[in-house]
Full PDB file with SEQRES, HELIX, SHEET, SSBOND, CRYST1, ORIGX, SCALE, CONECT and MASTER records, all heavy atoms in Angstrom:
SEQRES   1 A   34  THR VAL GLU HIS THR ILE LEU LYS ASN VAL ILE VAL GLN          
SEQRES   2 A   34  ARG ALA LYS ASP PHE TYR GLN ASN ASP GLU ASN CYS PRO          
SEQRES   3 A   34  ILE ALA TRP GLU PRO SER GLY PHE                              
HELIX    1 AA1 THR A    5  TYR A   19  1                                  15    
HELIX    2 AA2 ILE A   27  TRP A   29  5                                   3    
CRYST1    1.000    1.000    1.000  90.00  90.00  90.00 P 1           1          
ORIGX1      1.000000  0.000000  0.000000        0.00000                         
ORIGX2      0.000000  1.000000  0.000000        0.00000                         
ORIGX3      0.000000  0.000000  1.000000        0.00000                         
SCALE1      1.000000  0.000000  0.000000        0.00000                         
SCALE2      0.000000  1.000000  0.000000        0.00000                         
SCALE3      0.000000  0.000000  1.000000        0.00000                         
ATOM      1  N   THR A   1       3.738 -10.394 -13.145  1.00  0.00           N  
ATOM      2  CA  THR A   1       4.533 -11.487 -13.759  1.00  0.00           C  
ATOM      3  C   THR A   1       3.731 -12.289 -14.729  1.00  0.00           C  
ATOM      4  O   THR A   1       4.156 -12.605 -15.829  1.00  0.00           O  
ATOM      5  CB  THR A   1       5.008 -12.371 -12.648  1.00  0.00           C  
ATOM      6  OG1 THR A   1       5.965 -11.699 -11.795  1.00  0.00           O  
ATOM      7  CG2 THR A   1       5.762 -13.600 -13.280  1.00  0.00           C  
ATOM      8  N   VAL A   2       2.483 -12.558 -14.442  1.00  0.00           N  
ATOM      9  CA  VAL A   2       1.607 -13.396 -15.287  1.00  0.00           C  
ATOM     10  C   VAL A   2       0.737 -12.541 -16.206  1.00  0.00           C  
ATOM     11  O   VAL A   2      -0.038 -13.008 -17.018  1.00  0.00           O  
ATOM     12  CB  VAL A   2       0.761 -14.436 -14.507  1.00  0.00           C  
ATOM     13  CG1 VAL A   2       1.611 -15.210 -13.606  1.00  0.00           C  
ATOM     14  CG2 VAL A   2      -0.348 -13.733 -13.723  1.00  0.00           C  
ATOM     15  N   GLU A   3       0.920 -11.203 -16.097  1.00  0.00           N  
ATOM     16  CA  GLU A   3       0.172 -10.271 -16.945  1.00  0.00           C  
ATOM     17  C   GLU A   3      -1.340 -10.396 -16.762  1.00  0.00           C  
ATOM     18  O   GLU A   3      -2.118 -10.350 -17.741  1.00  0.00           O  
ATOM     19  CB  GLU A   3       0.581 -10.417 -18.410  1.00  0.00           C  
ATOM     20  CG  GLU A   3       2.072 -10.152 -18.690  1.00  0.00           C  
ATOM     21  CD  GLU A   3       2.412 -10.322 -20.135  1.00  0.00           C  
ATOM     22  OE1 GLU A   3       1.558 -10.847 -20.900  1.00  0.00           O  
ATOM     23  OE2 GLU A   3       3.586  -9.878 -20.528  1.00  0.00           O  
ATOM     24  N   HIS A   4      -1.693 -10.416 -15.469  1.00  0.00           N  
ATOM     25  CA  HIS A   4      -3.137 -10.422 -15.113  1.00  0.00           C  
ATOM     26  C   HIS A   4      -3.570  -8.941 -14.966  1.00  0.00           C  
ATOM     27  O   HIS A   4      -3.531  -8.424 -13.868  1.00  0.00           O  
ATOM     28  CB  HIS A   4      -3.356 -11.173 -13.864  1.00  0.00           C  
ATOM     29  CG  HIS A   4      -4.885 -11.544 -13.543  1.00  0.00           C  
ATOM     30  ND1 HIS A   4      -5.860 -10.635 -13.505  1.00  0.00           N  
ATOM     31  CD2 HIS A   4      -5.381 -12.808 -13.439  1.00  0.00           C  
ATOM     32  CE1 HIS A   4      -6.981 -11.280 -13.323  1.00  0.00           C  
ATOM     33  NE2 HIS A   4      -6.756 -12.570 -13.258  1.00  0.00           N  
ATOM     34  N   THR A   5      -3.942  -8.390 -16.055  1.00  0.00           N  
ATOM     35  CA  THR A   5      -4.273  -6.929 -16.116  1.00  0.00           C  
ATOM     36  C   THR A   5      -5.353  -6.513 -15.115  1.00  0.00           C  
ATOM     37  O   THR A   5      -5.234  -5.436 -14.479  1.00  0.00           O  
ATOM     38  CB  THR A   5      -4.621  -6.474 -17.516  1.00  0.00           C  
ATOM     39  OG1 THR A   5      -3.560  -6.882 -18.400  1.00  0.00           O  
ATOM     40  CG2 THR A   5      -4.753  -4.994 -17.587  1.00  0.00           C  
ATOM     41  N   ILE A   6      -6.370  -7.268 -15.063  1.00  0.00           N  
ATOM     42  CA  ILE A   6      -7.478  -6.792 -14.139  1.00  0.00           C  
ATOM     43  C   ILE A   6      -7.044  -6.779 -12.727  1.00  0.00           C  
ATOM     44  O   ILE A   6      -7.359  -5.784 -12.081  1.00  0.00           O  
ATOM     45  CB  ILE A   6      -8.715  -7.815 -14.366  1.00  0.00           C  
ATOM     46  CG1 ILE A   6      -9.244  -7.784 -15.707  1.00  0.00           C  
ATOM     47  CG2 ILE A   6      -9.809  -7.511 -13.322  1.00  0.00           C  
ATOM     48  CD1 ILE A   6     -10.379  -8.786 -16.035  1.00  0.00           C  
ATOM     49  N   LEU A   7      -6.396  -7.750 -12.298  1.00  0.00           N  
ATOM     50  CA  LEU A   7      -5.942  -7.841 -10.860  1.00  0.00           C  
ATOM     51  C   LEU A   7      -4.951  -6.679 -10.632  1.00  0.00           C  
ATOM     52  O   LEU A   7      -4.998  -5.928  -9.595  1.00  0.00           O  
ATOM     53  CB  LEU A   7      -5.304  -9.206 -10.494  1.00  0.00           C  
ATOM     54  CG  LEU A   7      -4.706  -9.285  -9.112  1.00  0.00           C  
ATOM     55  CD1 LEU A   7      -5.825  -9.151  -8.014  1.00  0.00           C  
ATOM     56  CD2 LEU A   7      -3.970 -10.598  -8.885  1.00  0.00           C  
ATOM     57  N   LYS A   8      -4.027  -6.487 -11.500  1.00  0.00           N  
ATOM     58  CA  LYS A   8      -3.044  -5.481 -11.435  1.00  0.00           C  
ATOM     59  C   LYS A   8      -3.640  -4.053 -11.299  1.00  0.00           C  
ATOM     60  O   LYS A   8      -3.343  -3.261 -10.378  1.00  0.00           O  
ATOM     61  CB  LYS A   8      -2.089  -5.551 -12.590  1.00  0.00           C  
ATOM     62  CG  LYS A   8      -0.973  -4.466 -12.535  1.00  0.00           C  
ATOM     63  CD  LYS A   8      -0.067  -4.522 -13.763  1.00  0.00           C  
ATOM     64  CE  LYS A   8       0.938  -3.392 -13.815  1.00  0.00           C  
ATOM     65  NZ  LYS A   8       1.828  -3.507 -14.988  1.00  0.00           N  
ATOM     66  N   ASN A   9      -4.626  -3.812 -12.182  1.00  0.00           N  
ATOM     67  CA  ASN A   9      -5.288  -2.494 -12.143  1.00  0.00           C  
ATOM     68  C   ASN A   9      -6.056  -2.267 -10.823  1.00  0.00           C  
ATOM     69  O   ASN A   9      -6.097  -1.113 -10.305  1.00  0.00           O  
ATOM     70  CB  ASN A   9      -6.186  -2.346 -13.364  1.00  0.00           C  
ATOM     71  CG  ASN A   9      -5.483  -2.227 -14.664  1.00  0.00           C  
ATOM     72  OD1 ASN A   9      -4.217  -1.951 -14.674  1.00  0.00           O  
ATOM     73  ND2 ASN A   9      -6.142  -2.474 -15.777  1.00  0.00           N  
ATOM     74  N   VAL A  10      -6.780  -3.256 -10.368  1.00  0.00           N  
ATOM     75  CA  VAL A  10      -7.450  -3.158  -9.101  1.00  0.00           C  
ATOM     76  C   VAL A  10      -6.521  -2.840  -7.972  1.00  0.00           C  
ATOM     77  O   VAL A  10      -6.753  -1.919  -7.107  1.00  0.00           O  
ATOM     78  CB  VAL A  10      -8.258  -4.420  -8.753  1.00  0.00           C  
ATOM     79  CG1 VAL A  10      -8.832  -4.380  -7.398  1.00  0.00           C  
ATOM     80  CG2 VAL A  10      -9.452  -4.563  -9.797  1.00  0.00           C  
ATOM     81  N   ILE A  11      -5.389  -3.519  -7.981  1.00  0.00           N  
ATOM     82  CA  ILE A  11      -4.396  -3.232  -6.847  1.00  0.00           C  
ATOM     83  C   ILE A  11      -3.882  -1.862  -6.945  1.00  0.00           C  
ATOM     84  O   ILE A  11      -3.731  -1.191  -5.926  1.00  0.00           O  
ATOM     85  CB  ILE A  11      -3.260  -4.318  -6.891  1.00  0.00           C  
ATOM     86  CG1 ILE A  11      -3.863  -5.691  -6.569  1.00  0.00           C  
ATOM     87  CG2 ILE A  11      -2.102  -3.933  -5.979  1.00  0.00           C  
ATOM     88  CD1 ILE A  11      -2.894  -6.810  -6.801  1.00  0.00           C  
ATOM     89  N   VAL A  12      -3.498  -1.398  -8.156  1.00  0.00           N  
ATOM     90  CA  VAL A  12      -2.981  -0.062  -8.304  1.00  0.00           C  
ATOM     91  C   VAL A  12      -3.943   0.988  -7.814  1.00  0.00           C  
ATOM     92  O   VAL A  12      -3.604   1.911  -7.088  1.00  0.00           O  
ATOM     93  CB  VAL A  12      -2.593   0.209  -9.788  1.00  0.00           C  
ATOM     94  CG1 VAL A  12      -2.330   1.667  -9.983  1.00  0.00           C  
ATOM     95  CG2 VAL A  12      -1.367  -0.677 -10.172  1.00  0.00           C  
ATOM     96  N   GLN A  13      -5.217   0.821  -8.224  1.00  0.00           N  
ATOM     97  CA  GLN A  13      -6.169   1.878  -7.772  1.00  0.00           C  
ATOM     98  C   GLN A  13      -6.466   1.814  -6.271  1.00  0.00           C  
ATOM     99  O   GLN A  13      -6.536   2.834  -5.631  1.00  0.00           O  
ATOM    100  CB  GLN A  13      -7.534   1.543  -8.495  1.00  0.00           C  
ATOM    101  CG  GLN A  13      -8.608   2.617  -8.187  1.00  0.00           C  
ATOM    102  CD  GLN A  13      -8.127   3.970  -8.545  1.00  0.00           C  
ATOM    103  OE1 GLN A  13      -7.732   4.264  -9.697  1.00  0.00           O  
ATOM    104  NE2 GLN A  13      -8.180   4.925  -7.537  1.00  0.00           N  
ATOM    105  N   ARG A  14      -6.531   0.582  -5.682  1.00  0.00           N  
ATOM    106  CA  ARG A  14      -6.808   0.590  -4.247  1.00  0.00           C  
ATOM    107  C   ARG A  14      -5.599   1.015  -3.408  1.00  0.00           C  
ATOM    108  O   ARG A  14      -5.716   1.670  -2.382  1.00  0.00           O  
ATOM    109  CB  ARG A  14      -7.177  -0.868  -3.823  1.00  0.00           C  
ATOM    110  CG  ARG A  14      -8.431  -1.368  -4.470  1.00  0.00           C  
ATOM    111  CD  ARG A  14      -9.631  -0.408  -4.296  1.00  0.00           C  
ATOM    112  NE  ARG A  14     -10.120  -0.459  -2.985  1.00  0.00           N  
ATOM    113  CZ  ARG A  14     -10.685   0.575  -2.295  1.00  0.00           C  
ATOM    114  NH1 ARG A  14     -10.624   1.737  -2.833  1.00  0.00           N  
ATOM    115  NH2 ARG A  14     -11.222   0.431  -1.081  1.00  0.00           N  
ATOM    116  N   ALA A  15      -4.409   0.730  -3.828  1.00  0.00           N  
ATOM    117  CA  ALA A  15      -3.265   1.254  -3.145  1.00  0.00           C  
ATOM    118  C   ALA A  15      -3.162   2.746  -3.152  1.00  0.00           C  
ATOM    119  O   ALA A  15      -2.835   3.358  -2.199  1.00  0.00           O  
ATOM    120  CB  ALA A  15      -1.902   0.676  -3.808  1.00  0.00           C  
ATOM    121  N   LYS A  16      -3.535   3.356  -4.284  1.00  0.00           N  
ATOM    122  CA  LYS A  16      -3.547   4.807  -4.329  1.00  0.00           C  
ATOM    123  C   LYS A  16      -4.703   5.377  -3.463  1.00  0.00           C  
ATOM    124  O   LYS A  16      -4.460   6.360  -2.747  1.00  0.00           O  
ATOM    125  CB  LYS A  16      -3.863   5.263  -5.816  1.00  0.00           C  
ATOM    126  CG  LYS A  16      -2.696   5.100  -6.756  1.00  0.00           C  
ATOM    127  CD  LYS A  16      -2.959   5.547  -8.188  1.00  0.00           C  
ATOM    128  CE  LYS A  16      -1.760   5.372  -9.105  1.00  0.00           C  
ATOM    129  NZ  LYS A  16      -2.104   5.807 -10.504  1.00  0.00           N  
ATOM    130  N   ASP A  17      -5.831   4.729  -3.429  1.00  0.00           N  
ATOM    131  CA  ASP A  17      -6.967   5.145  -2.586  1.00  0.00           C  
ATOM    132  C   ASP A  17      -6.507   5.096  -1.130  1.00  0.00           C  
ATOM    133  O   ASP A  17      -6.829   6.003  -0.326  1.00  0.00           O  
ATOM    134  CB  ASP A  17      -8.147   4.198  -2.760  1.00  0.00           C  
ATOM    135  CG  ASP A  17      -8.815   4.285  -4.124  1.00  0.00           C  
ATOM    136  OD1 ASP A  17      -8.570   5.323  -4.825  1.00  0.00           O  
ATOM    137  OD2 ASP A  17      -9.530   3.376  -4.480  1.00  0.00           O  
ATOM    138  N   PHE A  18      -5.826   4.003  -0.706  1.00  0.00           N  
ATOM    139  CA  PHE A  18      -5.421   3.802   0.616  1.00  0.00           C  
ATOM    140  C   PHE A  18      -4.261   4.717   1.134  1.00  0.00           C  
ATOM    141  O   PHE A  18      -4.229   5.223   2.256  1.00  0.00           O  
ATOM    142  CB  PHE A  18      -5.027   2.371   0.885  1.00  0.00           C  
ATOM    143  CG  PHE A  18      -6.118   1.367   0.720  1.00  0.00           C  
ATOM    144  CD1 PHE A  18      -5.852   0.055   0.235  1.00  0.00           C  
ATOM    145  CD2 PHE A  18      -7.493   1.724   1.042  1.00  0.00           C  
ATOM    146  CE1 PHE A  18      -6.835  -0.880   0.115  1.00  0.00           C  
ATOM    147  CE2 PHE A  18      -8.470   0.780   0.897  1.00  0.00           C  
ATOM    148  CZ  PHE A  18      -8.187  -0.516   0.417  1.00  0.00           C  
ATOM    149  N   TYR A  19      -3.291   4.901   0.250  1.00  0.00           N  
ATOM    150  CA  TYR A  19      -1.970   5.382   0.729  1.00  0.00           C  
ATOM    151  C   TYR A  19      -1.389   6.708   0.097  1.00  0.00           C  
ATOM    152  O   TYR A  19      -0.496   7.192   0.561  1.00  0.00           O  
ATOM    153  CB  TYR A  19      -0.899   4.338   0.543  1.00  0.00           C  
ATOM    154  CG  TYR A  19      -1.265   2.949   1.103  1.00  0.00           C  
ATOM    155  CD1 TYR A  19      -1.315   1.829   0.392  1.00  0.00           C  
ATOM    156  CD2 TYR A  19      -1.522   2.874   2.517  1.00  0.00           C  
ATOM    157  CE1 TYR A  19      -1.640   0.589   0.889  1.00  0.00           C  
ATOM    158  CE2 TYR A  19      -1.862   1.633   3.070  1.00  0.00           C  
ATOM    159  CZ  TYR A  19      -1.959   0.453   2.234  1.00  0.00           C  
ATOM    160  OH  TYR A  19      -2.211  -0.719   2.808  1.00  0.00           O  
ATOM    161  N   GLN A  20      -2.011   7.100  -0.987  1.00  0.00           N  
ATOM    162  CA  GLN A  20      -1.347   8.183  -1.748  1.00  0.00           C  
ATOM    163  C   GLN A  20      -1.191   9.462  -1.050  1.00  0.00           C  
ATOM    164  O   GLN A  20      -0.252  10.182  -1.189  1.00  0.00           O  
ATOM    165  CB  GLN A  20      -2.051   8.466  -3.100  1.00  0.00           C  
ATOM    166  CG  GLN A  20      -1.250   9.424  -4.003  1.00  0.00           C  
ATOM    167  CD  GLN A  20      -1.420   9.088  -5.457  1.00  0.00           C  
ATOM    168  OE1 GLN A  20      -2.514   8.511  -5.896  1.00  0.00           O  
ATOM    169  NE2 GLN A  20      -0.512   9.347  -6.264  1.00  0.00           N  
ATOM    170  N   ASN A  21      -2.082   9.760  -0.076  1.00  0.00           N  
ATOM    171  CA  ASN A  21      -2.030  11.007   0.690  1.00  0.00           C  
ATOM    172  C   ASN A  21      -1.368  10.894   2.020  1.00  0.00           C  
ATOM    173  O   ASN A  21      -1.424  11.828   2.871  1.00  0.00           O  
ATOM    174  CB  ASN A  21      -3.424  11.609   0.823  1.00  0.00           C  
ATOM    175  CG  ASN A  21      -3.989  11.985  -0.576  1.00  0.00           C  
ATOM    176  OD1 ASN A  21      -3.284  12.458  -1.494  1.00  0.00           O  
ATOM    177  ND2 ASN A  21      -5.289  11.817  -0.727  1.00  0.00           N  
ATOM    178  N   ASP A  22      -0.851   9.742   2.379  1.00  0.00           N  
ATOM    179  CA  ASP A  22      -0.259   9.498   3.680  1.00  0.00           C  
ATOM    180  C   ASP A  22       1.122  10.349   3.810  1.00  0.00           C  
ATOM    181  O   ASP A  22       1.850  10.466   2.833  1.00  0.00           O  
ATOM    182  CB  ASP A  22       0.073   8.036   3.926  1.00  0.00           C  
ATOM    183  CG  ASP A  22      -1.162   7.195   4.155  1.00  0.00           C  
ATOM    184  OD1 ASP A  22      -2.246   7.885   4.330  1.00  0.00           O  
ATOM    185  OD2 ASP A  22      -1.103   5.989   4.118  1.00  0.00           O  
ATOM    186  N   GLU A  23       1.345  10.763   5.006  1.00  0.00           N  
ATOM    187  CA  GLU A  23       2.570  11.551   5.314  1.00  0.00           C  
ATOM    188  C   GLU A  23       3.103  11.182   6.681  1.00  0.00           C  
ATOM    189  O   GLU A  23       2.360  10.735   7.587  1.00  0.00           O  
ATOM    190  CB  GLU A  23       2.275  13.071   5.291  1.00  0.00           C  
ATOM    191  CG  GLU A  23       1.754  13.689   3.992  1.00  0.00           C  
ATOM    192  CD  GLU A  23       1.389  15.118   4.107  1.00  0.00           C  
ATOM    193  OE1 GLU A  23       1.680  15.727   5.199  1.00  0.00           O  
ATOM    194  OE2 GLU A  23       1.026  15.675   3.104  1.00  0.00           O  
ATOM    195  N   ASN A  24       4.409  11.343   6.883  1.00  0.00           N  
ATOM    196  CA  ASN A  24       5.068  11.238   8.165  1.00  0.00           C  
ATOM    197  C   ASN A  24       4.688   9.994   8.957  1.00  0.00           C  
ATOM    198  O   ASN A  24       4.096   9.993  10.021  1.00  0.00           O  
ATOM    199  CB  ASN A  24       4.694  12.518   9.024  1.00  0.00           C  
ATOM    200  CG  ASN A  24       5.207  13.738   8.404  1.00  0.00           C  
ATOM    201  OD1 ASN A  24       6.374  13.780   7.917  1.00  0.00           O  
ATOM    202  ND2 ASN A  24       4.441  14.816   8.385  1.00  0.00           N  
ATOM    203  N   CYS A  25       5.002   8.851   8.314  1.00  0.00           N  
ATOM    204  CA  CYS A  25       4.728   7.569   8.995  1.00  0.00           C  
ATOM    205  C   CYS A  25       5.603   7.513  10.277  1.00  0.00           C  
ATOM    206  O   CYS A  25       6.742   7.704  10.213  1.00  0.00           O  
ATOM    207  CB  CYS A  25       5.028   6.418   8.077  1.00  0.00           C  
ATOM    208  SG  CYS A  25       4.329   4.829   8.647  1.00  0.00           S  
ATOM    209  N   PRO A  26       5.057   7.119  11.423  1.00  0.00           N  
ATOM    210  CA  PRO A  26       5.806   7.117  12.633  1.00  0.00           C  
ATOM    211  C   PRO A  26       6.648   5.856  12.857  1.00  0.00           C  
ATOM    212  O   PRO A  26       6.380   5.047  13.726  1.00  0.00           O  
ATOM    213  CB  PRO A  26       4.725   7.234  13.692  1.00  0.00           C  
ATOM    214  CG  PRO A  26       3.502   6.562  13.099  1.00  0.00           C  
ATOM    215  CD  PRO A  26       3.619   6.896  11.687  1.00  0.00           C  
ATOM    216  N   ILE A  27       7.578   5.626  11.986  1.00  0.00           N  
ATOM    217  CA  ILE A  27       8.401   4.454  11.978  1.00  0.00           C  
ATOM    218  C   ILE A  27       9.169   4.217  13.356  1.00  0.00           C  
ATOM    219  O   ILE A  27       9.487   3.223  13.739  1.00  0.00           O  
ATOM    220  CB  ILE A  27       9.424   4.377  10.815  1.00  0.00           C  
ATOM    221  CG1 ILE A  27       9.947   2.953  10.613  1.00  0.00           C  
ATOM    222  CG2 ILE A  27      10.484   5.437  10.931  1.00  0.00           C  
ATOM    223  CD1 ILE A  27      10.593   2.710   9.354  1.00  0.00           C  
ATOM    224  N   ALA A  28       9.394   5.407  14.062  1.00  0.00           N  
ATOM    225  CA  ALA A  28      10.112   5.360  15.314  1.00  0.00           C  
ATOM    226  C   ALA A  28       9.226   4.641  16.308  1.00  0.00           C  
ATOM    227  O   ALA A  28       9.762   4.133  17.396  1.00  0.00           O  
ATOM    228  CB  ALA A  28      10.360   6.741  15.807  1.00  0.00           C  
ATOM    229  N   TRP A  29       7.884   4.470  16.137  1.00  0.00           N  
ATOM    230  CA  TRP A  29       7.047   3.758  17.047  1.00  0.00           C  
ATOM    231  C   TRP A  29       7.081   2.265  16.799  1.00  0.00           C  
ATOM    232  O   TRP A  29       6.531   1.489  17.570  1.00  0.00           O  
ATOM    233  CB  TRP A  29       5.653   4.239  16.909  1.00  0.00           C  
ATOM    234  CG  TRP A  29       5.379   5.634  17.369  1.00  0.00           C  
ATOM    235  CD1 TRP A  29       6.383   6.429  18.004  1.00  0.00           C  
ATOM    236  CD2 TRP A  29       4.201   6.427  17.346  1.00  0.00           C  
ATOM    237  NE1 TRP A  29       5.794   7.695  18.303  1.00  0.00           N  
ATOM    238  CE2 TRP A  29       4.468   7.722  17.848  1.00  0.00           C  
ATOM    239  CE3 TRP A  29       2.974   6.120  16.799  1.00  0.00           C  
ATOM    240  CZ2 TRP A  29       3.500   8.638  18.004  1.00  0.00           C  
ATOM    241  CZ3 TRP A  29       2.012   7.113  16.936  1.00  0.00           C  
ATOM    242  CH2 TRP A  29       2.241   8.367  17.502  1.00  0.00           C  
ATOM    243  N   GLU A  30       7.744   1.864  15.720  1.00  0.00           N  
ATOM    244  CA  GLU A  30       7.820   0.405  15.389  1.00  0.00           C  
ATOM    245  C   GLU A  30       9.067  -0.240  16.064  1.00  0.00           C  
ATOM    246  O   GLU A  30      10.064   0.507  16.254  1.00  0.00           O  
ATOM    247  CB  GLU A  30       7.932   0.212  13.872  1.00  0.00           C  
ATOM    248  CG  GLU A  30       6.643   0.725  13.109  1.00  0.00           C  
ATOM    249  CD  GLU A  30       6.764   0.490  11.616  1.00  0.00           C  
ATOM    250  OE1 GLU A  30       7.634  -0.333  11.227  1.00  0.00           O  
ATOM    251  OE2 GLU A  30       6.020   1.126  10.941  1.00  0.00           O  
ATOM    252  N   PRO A  31       9.068  -1.508  16.271  1.00  0.00           N  
ATOM    253  CA  PRO A  31       7.945  -2.380  16.085  1.00  0.00           C  
ATOM    254  C   PRO A  31       7.078  -2.543  17.374  1.00  0.00           C  
ATOM    255  O   PRO A  31       7.550  -2.147  18.477  1.00  0.00           O  
ATOM    256  CB  PRO A  31       8.645  -3.739  15.892  1.00  0.00           C  
ATOM    257  CG  PRO A  31       9.900  -3.698  16.676  1.00  0.00           C  
ATOM    258  CD  PRO A  31      10.292  -2.244  16.700  1.00  0.00           C  
ATOM    259  N   SER A  32       5.898  -2.989  17.245  1.00  0.00           N  
ATOM    260  CA  SER A  32       5.047  -3.484  18.347  1.00  0.00           C  
ATOM    261  C   SER A  32       5.604  -4.754  18.880  1.00  0.00           C  
ATOM    262  O   SER A  32       6.551  -5.411  18.231  1.00  0.00           O  
ATOM    263  CB  SER A  32       3.580  -3.600  17.935  1.00  0.00           C  
ATOM    264  OG  SER A  32       3.097  -2.314  17.591  1.00  0.00           O  
ATOM    265  N   GLY A  33       5.069  -5.212  19.937  1.00  0.00           N  
ATOM    266  CA  GLY A  33       5.721  -6.365  20.715  1.00  0.00           C  
ATOM    267  C   GLY A  33       5.903  -7.654  19.909  1.00  0.00           C  
ATOM    268  O   GLY A  33       6.879  -8.394  20.218  1.00  0.00           O  
ATOM    269  N   PHE A  34       5.027  -7.970  18.949  1.00  0.00           N  
ATOM    270  CA  PHE A  34       5.193  -9.205  18.180  1.00  0.00           C  
ATOM    271  C   PHE A  34       4.936  -8.947  16.732  1.00  0.00           C  
ATOM    272  O   PHE A  34       4.380  -9.795  15.999  1.00  0.00           O  
ATOM    273  CB  PHE A  34       4.509 -10.333  18.719  1.00  0.00           C  
ATOM    274  CG  PHE A  34       3.147 -10.067  19.236  1.00  0.00           C  
ATOM    275  CD1 PHE A  34       2.023  -9.888  18.334  1.00  0.00           C  
ATOM    276  CD2 PHE A  34       2.808  -9.986  20.562  1.00  0.00           C  
ATOM    277  CE1 PHE A  34       0.788  -9.700  18.814  1.00  0.00           C  
ATOM    278  CE2 PHE A  34       1.527  -9.771  21.054  1.00  0.00           C  
ATOM    279  CZ  PHE A  34       0.498  -9.585  20.138  1.00  0.00           C  
TER     280      PHE A  34                                                      
MASTER        0    0    0    2    0    0    0    6  279    1    0    3          
END                                                                             
């Protein structure tokens, strides 16, 4: 929204690092108790 390019680019890269190769999330196990 505020066009903060540095923050945006860091978030994009880290999200890809963390999640891009994830598969078959066990949503049936959700939610935990709280």
